[in-house]
Amino acid sequence: MLTVCSSRVATVALCSLVPALSCFAGAEARTGFHAIMPVSPHGRSPSGWMTPQARSAKDLLYVASGGAQTVDVFSVSGSQITLVGQIMNFNDPQGMATDAQGNLYVVDDYIPQEGPAAGQLDVFPKGATSPSRIIPTYPLTPFDVAVDKHGIIYISNIAPVGRLSPGKVTVYGKKSDVHPIRVLRDPASSQGWGITLDSATSDVYVSYALGSTGRIVRFSGGRGKPVDLGVAFGNPWGLKNDGSGNLLASDGSSGNIDIFPEAGGSLVGTIAVPGAPLLSTFNTTHSLLYVSNFNNHDVEVFSYPSKAMVGSITRSEWGPTSWPTGVAYWPPAP
């Protein structure tokens, strides 16, 4: 069973599946949780580390919240999860990714009450609370991001502003901030949502909405025309590669994460999420899956490949108007 650490800064609780164990936010004594008091996180700073605990952490879990306009930073050490920092002042953070060097990539949307939507990708060096790089995505509205081992950035865009389709994947190099080095086009009349890649083949996979049906396409080597995998599911949100030739597609309609082979074909497994799975990330070894939950306003944790739910992470700041959105882990799974 996981242990989650809480503090005055964050109320974090782990819900066990053991029937006799109830989950109480901030009630460590009742559940036997070990409490740790981390240093209070700071706001944006020009450079450097947000806290000493963030600097010394061997593993970090990032959780974005669109309503709270923040990214919470947790250290993960064995069975303990501790809030060690926070990045603030986003508009609406969505999908996130990390690279081996420790950079954090955050899709930040801006949806005004009037006028066209806009968005950008913010890149943060490990431990920093201010971006070192900002990639504007206008006139497209971004949702998710993936980064390959060479530092090439793939952004899945829902659609041009003011329209519902078609979506596109814009690709950026290490120095291309204004204009993408190439554009991968989703099938006509579709909306691109989740994006992931296979580090061994450099193939890029995108979940997209075609009417009311979720589908997945592959761009071989991150280039060329989309190849439809021939799978179908409900409302498509996040998409993740499990490192073993399978794709995990979040289905916001059924509350499941459907597992399909990268080659396409029949469903090979399902993870039942008690709510609506939005985005997900694996830990470094692909042994734990963290899933942001649109309905329950928390992050569920599943063992993998057993698919058993082992707990959940909650914060008092997360709620009906500030549910967790993007999740990312460092070091990233290969």
Protein backbone atom coordinates (compact mmCIF):
# COMPACT_ATOMS: atom_id res chain seq x y z
CA MET A 1 0.00 0.00 0.00
CA LEU A 2 1.21 3.52 -0.76
CA THR A 3 1.73 6.11 1.94
CA VAL A 4 0.94 9.74 1.21
CA CYS A 5 2.41 12.64 3.17
CA SER A 6 0.39 15.71 4.02
CA SER A 7 1.21 19.13 5.41
CA ARG A 8 -0.19 22.53 6.23
CA VAL A 9 0.39 23.40 2.57
CA ALA A 10 -1.36 20.44 1.01
CA THR A 11 -4.03 18.09 2.29
CA VAL A 12 -3.11 14.84 0.61
CA ALA A 13 -4.68 11.49 1.39
CA LEU A 14 -4.37 7.98 0.03
CA CYS A 15 -7.54 5.86 -0.19
CA SER A 16 -6.83 2.18 0.27
CA LEU A 17 -9.02 -0.50 -1.24
CA VAL A 18 -9.08 -2.30 2.12
CA PRO A 19 -12.78 -2.08 3.09
CA ALA A 20 -12.11 -1.32 6.76
CA LEU A 21 -9.91 1.68 5.92
CA SER A 22 -11.73 4.93 5.23
CA CYS A 23 -10.15 7.92 3.50
CA PHE A 24 -10.10 11.20 5.41
CA ALA A 25 -8.32 14.21 3.93
CA GLY A 26 -5.97 15.50 6.60
CA ALA A 27 -6.82 12.63 9.02
CA GLU A 28 -3.44 10.93 9.14
CA ALA A 29 -3.88 9.72 12.73
CA ARG A 30 -7.05 7.80 11.90
CA THR A 31 -5.52 6.02 8.94
CA GLY A 32 -1.96 5.62 10.20
CA PHE A 33 -0.48 7.89 7.53
CA HIS A 34 2.95 9.31 8.29
CA ALA A 35 2.88 13.12 8.15
CA ILE A 36 5.79 15.16 6.81
CA MET A 37 5.99 18.96 6.87
CA PRO A 38 7.67 20.09 3.65
CA VAL A 39 8.82 23.64 3.04
CA SER A 40 6.03 25.88 1.74
CA PRO A 41 6.22 26.25 -2.04
CA HIS A 42 7.06 29.60 -3.56
CA GLY A 43 5.63 31.48 -6.52
CA ARG A 44 7.46 31.98 -9.78
CA SER A 45 11.18 32.78 -9.50
CA PRO A 46 13.60 33.55 -12.34
CA SER A 47 15.58 30.32 -11.95
CA GLY A 48 16.81 27.73 -9.50
CA TRP A 49 14.93 25.28 -7.29
CA MET A 50 11.51 25.90 -5.83
CA THR A 51 12.44 24.09 -2.57
CA PRO A 52 15.37 22.05 -1.24
CA GLN A 53 13.07 19.01 -1.15
CA ALA A 54 12.36 19.34 -4.86
CA ARG A 55 16.07 19.50 -5.59
CA SER A 56 16.90 16.37 -3.60
CA ALA A 57 13.95 14.31 -4.86
CA LYS A 58 14.83 11.29 -6.97
CA ASP A 59 11.32 11.08 -8.45
CA LEU A 60 8.79 13.86 -9.07
CA LEU A 61 5.06 13.73 -9.86
CA TYR A 62 3.49 16.82 -11.45
CA VAL A 63 -0.27 17.44 -11.25
CA ALA A 64 -1.91 20.38 -13.04
CA SER A 65 -5.22 21.98 -12.07
CA GLY A 66 -6.94 24.16 -14.64
CA GLY A 67 -9.31 25.88 -12.21
CA ALA A 68 -6.59 26.51 -9.63
CA GLN A 69 -4.22 27.61 -12.43
CA THR A 70 -1.35 25.72 -10.82
CA VAL A 71 0.95 22.73 -11.18
CA ASP A 72 1.61 20.92 -7.90
CA VAL A 73 4.97 19.18 -7.54
CA PHE A 74 5.25 16.04 -5.40
CA SER A 75 8.32 14.05 -4.48
CA VAL A 76 7.85 10.29 -4.67
CA SER A 77 10.07 8.16 -2.45
CA GLY A 78 9.07 4.54 -2.07
CA SER A 79 5.64 4.63 -0.45
CA GLN A 80 5.67 8.34 0.40
CA ILE A 81 4.28 11.20 -1.70
CA THR A 82 5.05 14.71 -0.44
CA LEU A 83 4.14 18.13 -1.80
CA VAL A 84 7.46 19.94 -2.33
CA GLY A 85 6.59 22.83 -4.64
CA GLN A 86 4.10 24.59 -6.83
CA ILE A 87 4.20 26.48 -10.11
CA MET A 88 1.56 29.20 -10.37
CA ASN A 89 0.08 31.84 -12.68
CA PHE A 90 -1.11 29.61 -15.51
CA ASN A 91 -4.27 30.32 -17.45
CA ASP A 92 -5.56 26.76 -17.86
CA PRO A 93 -2.86 24.05 -17.70
CA GLN A 94 -3.74 20.81 -19.49
CA GLY A 95 -1.45 18.06 -20.83
CA MET A 96 2.12 17.78 -19.55
CA ALA A 97 5.32 15.81 -20.24
CA THR A 98 8.89 15.59 -18.97
CA ASP A 99 12.18 14.69 -20.61
CA ALA A 100 15.28 12.87 -19.34
CA GLN A 101 16.99 16.19 -18.57
CA GLY A 102 14.23 17.12 -16.13
CA ASN A 103 12.42 19.73 -18.22
CA LEU A 104 8.68 20.03 -17.66
CA TYR A 105 6.43 20.81 -20.65
CA VAL A 106 3.02 22.32 -19.83
CA VAL A 107 0.20 23.03 -22.27
CA ASP A 108 -1.42 26.26 -21.10
CA ASP A 109 -4.71 27.24 -22.70
CA TYR A 110 -6.46 30.57 -22.54
CA ILE A 111 -10.19 30.63 -23.15
CA PRO A 112 -11.59 34.14 -22.71
CA GLN A 113 -15.24 34.99 -22.19
CA GLU A 114 -15.20 36.74 -25.54
CA GLY A 115 -12.98 36.37 -28.56
CA PRO A 116 -10.89 33.50 -29.88
CA ALA A 117 -9.21 30.93 -27.67
CA ALA A 118 -5.45 30.78 -27.57
CA GLY A 119 -2.74 28.73 -25.94
CA GLN A 120 0.96 28.10 -25.57
CA LEU A 121 3.49 25.55 -24.39
CA ASP A 122 5.61 26.52 -21.38
CA VAL A 123 8.93 24.73 -20.79
CA PHE A 124 10.36 24.74 -17.26
CA PRO A 125 13.86 23.54 -16.33
CA LYS A 126 13.80 21.04 -13.46
CA GLY A 127 12.98 22.83 -10.22
CA ALA A 128 12.27 26.23 -11.80
CA THR A 129 9.03 28.15 -11.37
CA SER A 130 9.41 30.36 -14.44
CA PRO A 131 9.54 29.03 -18.02
CA SER A 132 12.78 29.18 -19.95
CA ARG A 133 10.92 28.78 -23.22
CA ILE A 134 7.42 29.66 -24.45
CA ILE A 135 6.01 28.27 -27.69
CA PRO A 136 2.84 30.03 -28.91
CA THR A 137 0.34 27.75 -30.68
CA TYR A 138 -2.03 30.35 -32.16
CA PRO A 139 -4.14 29.92 -34.24
CA LEU A 140 -4.49 26.41 -32.81
CA THR A 141 -5.84 25.36 -29.40
CA PRO A 142 -3.49 22.80 -27.76
CA PHE A 143 -4.50 19.99 -25.40
CA ASP A 144 -1.62 17.54 -24.89
CA VAL A 145 2.12 17.22 -25.49
CA ALA A 146 4.74 14.49 -25.96
CA VAL A 147 8.53 14.78 -26.24
CA ASP A 148 10.85 12.24 -27.87
CA LYS A 149 14.38 11.27 -26.79
CA HIS A 150 15.89 13.80 -29.20
CA GLY A 151 13.96 16.71 -27.68
CA ILE A 152 11.45 16.98 -30.53
CA ILE A 153 8.13 18.31 -29.20
CA TYR A 154 4.75 17.08 -30.47
CA ILE A 155 1.67 19.15 -29.54
CA SER A 156 -1.83 17.78 -30.11
CA ASN A 157 -4.18 20.63 -31.03
CA ILE A 158 -7.93 20.32 -30.74
CA ALA A 159 -8.72 22.65 -33.63
CA PRO A 160 -8.20 26.11 -35.05
CA VAL A 161 -9.68 28.75 -32.79
CA GLY A 162 -13.38 29.34 -33.26
CA ARG A 163 -13.90 25.96 -34.93
CA LEU A 164 -14.40 22.38 -33.82
CA SER A 165 -12.20 20.70 -36.45
CA PRO A 166 -9.90 19.67 -37.92
CA GLY A 167 -7.18 19.20 -35.32
CA LYS A 168 -3.47 19.07 -36.07
CA VAL A 169 -0.21 17.99 -34.46
CA THR A 170 2.44 20.70 -34.56
CA VAL A 171 6.07 19.60 -34.23
CA TYR A 172 8.81 21.80 -32.79
CA GLY A 173 12.57 21.35 -32.68
CA LYS A 174 14.92 22.42 -29.91
CA LYS A 175 15.05 25.99 -31.21
CA SER A 176 11.83 26.42 -33.21
CA ASP A 177 9.56 28.52 -31.00
CA VAL A 178 7.45 30.50 -33.46
CA HIS A 179 6.96 28.20 -36.44
CA PRO A 180 6.72 24.40 -36.25
CA ILE A 181 9.26 22.36 -38.20
CA ARG A 182 6.36 20.30 -39.57
CA VAL A 183 2.63 19.73 -39.12
CA LEU A 184 0.94 16.33 -38.89
CA ARG A 185 -2.66 16.48 -40.01
CA ASP A 186 -5.37 14.44 -38.32
CA PRO A 187 -8.13 12.98 -40.47
CA ALA A 188 -10.60 15.53 -41.80
CA SER A 189 -13.45 16.65 -39.53
CA SER A 190 -11.73 15.42 -36.36
CA GLN A 191 -10.47 16.85 -33.08
CA GLY A 192 -7.04 15.81 -31.83
CA TRP A 193 -6.80 15.13 -28.08
CA GLY A 194 -4.32 12.81 -26.37
CA ILE A 195 -0.84 12.22 -27.79
CA THR A 196 1.90 9.72 -26.96
CA LEU A 197 4.89 8.14 -28.67
CA ASP A 198 6.84 4.90 -28.77
CA SER A 199 10.44 5.74 -27.87
CA ALA A 200 11.75 2.62 -29.62
CA THR A 201 10.14 3.37 -33.00
CA SER A 202 9.50 7.15 -32.71
CA ASP A 203 5.95 6.42 -33.87
CA VAL A 204 3.48 9.05 -32.67
CA TYR A 205 -0.09 8.15 -31.69
CA VAL A 206 -3.01 10.56 -31.39
CA SER A 207 -6.50 9.97 -30.03
CA TYR A 208 -9.12 11.99 -31.83
CA ALA A 209 -12.86 12.53 -31.90
CA LEU A 210 -14.77 11.71 -35.04
CA GLY A 211 -18.31 12.68 -34.23
CA SER A 212 -19.14 10.98 -30.93
CA THR A 213 -16.56 8.21 -31.40
CA GLY A 214 -12.98 8.10 -30.17
CA ARG A 215 -10.35 6.73 -32.55
CA ILE A 216 -6.54 6.50 -32.71
CA VAL A 217 -4.11 7.19 -35.54
CA ARG A 218 -0.40 6.47 -35.90
CA PHE A 219 2.20 8.70 -37.57
CA SER A 220 5.11 6.37 -38.39
CA GLY A 221 8.37 7.83 -37.17
CA GLY A 222 6.50 11.02 -36.28
CA ARG A 223 5.99 11.90 -39.94
CA GLY A 224 3.74 11.36 -42.93
CA LYS A 225 0.06 10.61 -43.17
CA PRO A 226 -2.07 9.25 -40.32
CA VAL A 227 -2.81 5.52 -40.27
CA ASP A 228 -6.06 4.73 -38.49
CA LEU A 229 -5.70 1.80 -36.07
CA GLY A 230 -9.29 0.70 -36.63
CA VAL A 231 -10.29 0.92 -32.96
CA ALA A 232 -13.30 2.72 -31.51
CA PHE A 233 -14.24 3.84 -28.00
CA GLY A 234 -16.11 6.70 -26.30
CA ASN A 235 -15.10 10.27 -25.54
CA PRO A 236 -11.32 10.44 -26.17
CA TRP A 237 -9.11 12.33 -23.74
CA GLY A 238 -5.64 11.17 -22.72
CA LEU A 239 -3.50 8.58 -24.48
CA LYS A 240 -0.45 6.79 -23.07
CA ASN A 241 2.02 4.14 -24.28
CA ASP A 242 2.76 1.39 -21.74
CA GLY A 243 6.24 0.53 -23.04
CA SER A 244 5.09 -2.95 -24.05
CA GLY A 245 3.37 -2.25 -27.34
CA ASN A 246 0.01 -1.13 -25.99
CA LEU A 247 -1.90 2.15 -25.88
CA LEU A 248 -4.04 3.28 -22.94
CA ALA A 249 -6.92 5.46 -24.13
CA SER A 250 -8.93 7.44 -21.57
CA ASP A 251 -12.65 7.14 -22.28
CA GLY A 252 -14.53 9.98 -20.64
CA SER A 253 -17.87 8.39 -21.54
CA SER A 254 -17.52 4.97 -19.92
CA GLY A 255 -15.11 5.88 -17.12
CA ASN A 256 -12.67 3.27 -18.41
CA ILE A 257 -9.17 3.31 -19.77
CA ASP A 258 -9.24 1.04 -22.82
CA ILE A 259 -6.07 -0.80 -23.79
CA PHE A 260 -5.38 -1.44 -27.48
CA PRO A 261 -2.35 -2.89 -29.27
CA GLU A 262 -0.19 -0.34 -31.07
CA ALA A 263 -0.78 -2.34 -34.25
CA GLY A 264 -4.54 -1.91 -33.85
CA GLY A 265 -7.17 -4.57 -33.42
CA SER A 266 -9.30 -5.83 -30.58
CA LEU A 267 -9.36 -4.45 -27.06
CA VAL A 268 -6.80 -6.30 -24.89
CA GLY A 269 -7.74 -4.91 -21.50
CA THR A 270 -9.66 -2.32 -19.49
CA ILE A 271 -8.90 -0.30 -16.37
CA ALA A 272 -12.06 0.67 -14.51
CA VAL A 273 -11.70 4.21 -13.15
CA PRO A 274 -14.31 5.31 -10.57
CA GLY A 275 -15.16 8.53 -12.36
CA ALA A 276 -13.97 10.05 -15.63
CA PRO A 277 -10.30 9.50 -16.54
CA LEU A 278 -8.81 12.60 -18.13
CA LEU A 279 -5.02 12.26 -18.56
CA SER A 280 -2.51 9.74 -17.24
CA THR A 281 1.18 9.09 -16.73
CA PHE A 282 3.36 6.13 -15.78
CA ASN A 283 6.14 6.13 -13.25
CA THR A 284 9.64 5.39 -14.56
CA THR A 285 9.25 1.60 -14.46
CA HIS A 286 5.69 1.42 -15.86
CA SER A 287 4.64 -0.24 -12.58
CA LEU A 288 2.28 2.54 -11.44
CA LEU A 289 -0.24 4.54 -13.47
CA TYR A 290 -1.43 7.94 -12.23
CA VAL A 291 -4.81 9.04 -13.64
CA SER A 292 -6.40 12.48 -13.23
CA ASN A 293 -10.10 12.13 -12.52
CA PHE A 294 -12.52 14.70 -13.95
CA ASN A 295 -15.47 13.62 -11.81
CA ASN A 296 -13.81 12.73 -8.49
CA HIS A 297 -11.38 15.69 -8.53
CA ASP A 298 -8.41 13.56 -7.53
CA VAL A 299 -5.60 11.44 -8.98
CA GLU A 300 -6.13 7.68 -8.88
CA VAL A 301 -3.14 5.34 -8.67
CA PHE A 302 -3.19 1.89 -10.32
CA SER A 303 -0.64 -0.89 -10.29
CA TYR A 304 0.35 -2.04 -13.77
CA PRO A 305 -0.08 -4.37 -15.53
CA SER A 306 -2.35 -5.82 -12.82
CA LYS A 307 -4.74 -2.81 -13.24
CA ALA A 308 -5.64 -2.83 -9.53
CA MET A 309 -6.37 0.52 -7.94
CA VAL A 310 -3.98 1.00 -5.00
CA GLY A 311 -4.98 4.48 -3.85
CA SER A 312 -5.75 8.08 -4.70
CA ILE A 313 -4.21 11.49 -4.13
CA THR A 314 -6.46 14.35 -3.04
CA ARG A 315 -5.96 18.00 -2.18
CA SER A 316 -8.36 20.46 -0.57
CA GLU A 317 -7.64 22.84 -3.46
CA TRP A 318 -9.01 20.33 -5.98
CA GLY A 319 -12.76 20.37 -6.48
CA PRO A 320 -15.67 20.76 -8.93
CA THR A 321 -14.14 23.88 -10.50
CA SER A 322 -10.47 22.98 -10.10
CA TRP A 323 -10.12 19.27 -10.87
CA PRO A 324 -6.70 17.82 -11.76
CA THR A 325 -5.92 17.91 -15.47
CA GLY A 326 -2.44 17.03 -16.73
CA VAL A 327 -0.12 14.63 -14.92
CA ALA A 328 3.57 13.94 -15.62
CA TYR A 329 6.37 11.96 -13.97
CA TRP A 330 10.14 12.42 -13.78
CA PRO A 331 12.27 10.56 -14.69
CA PRO A 332 9.98 9.67 -17.60
CA ALA A 333 9.30 6.06 -18.48
CA PRO A 334 11.42 4.94 -21.45
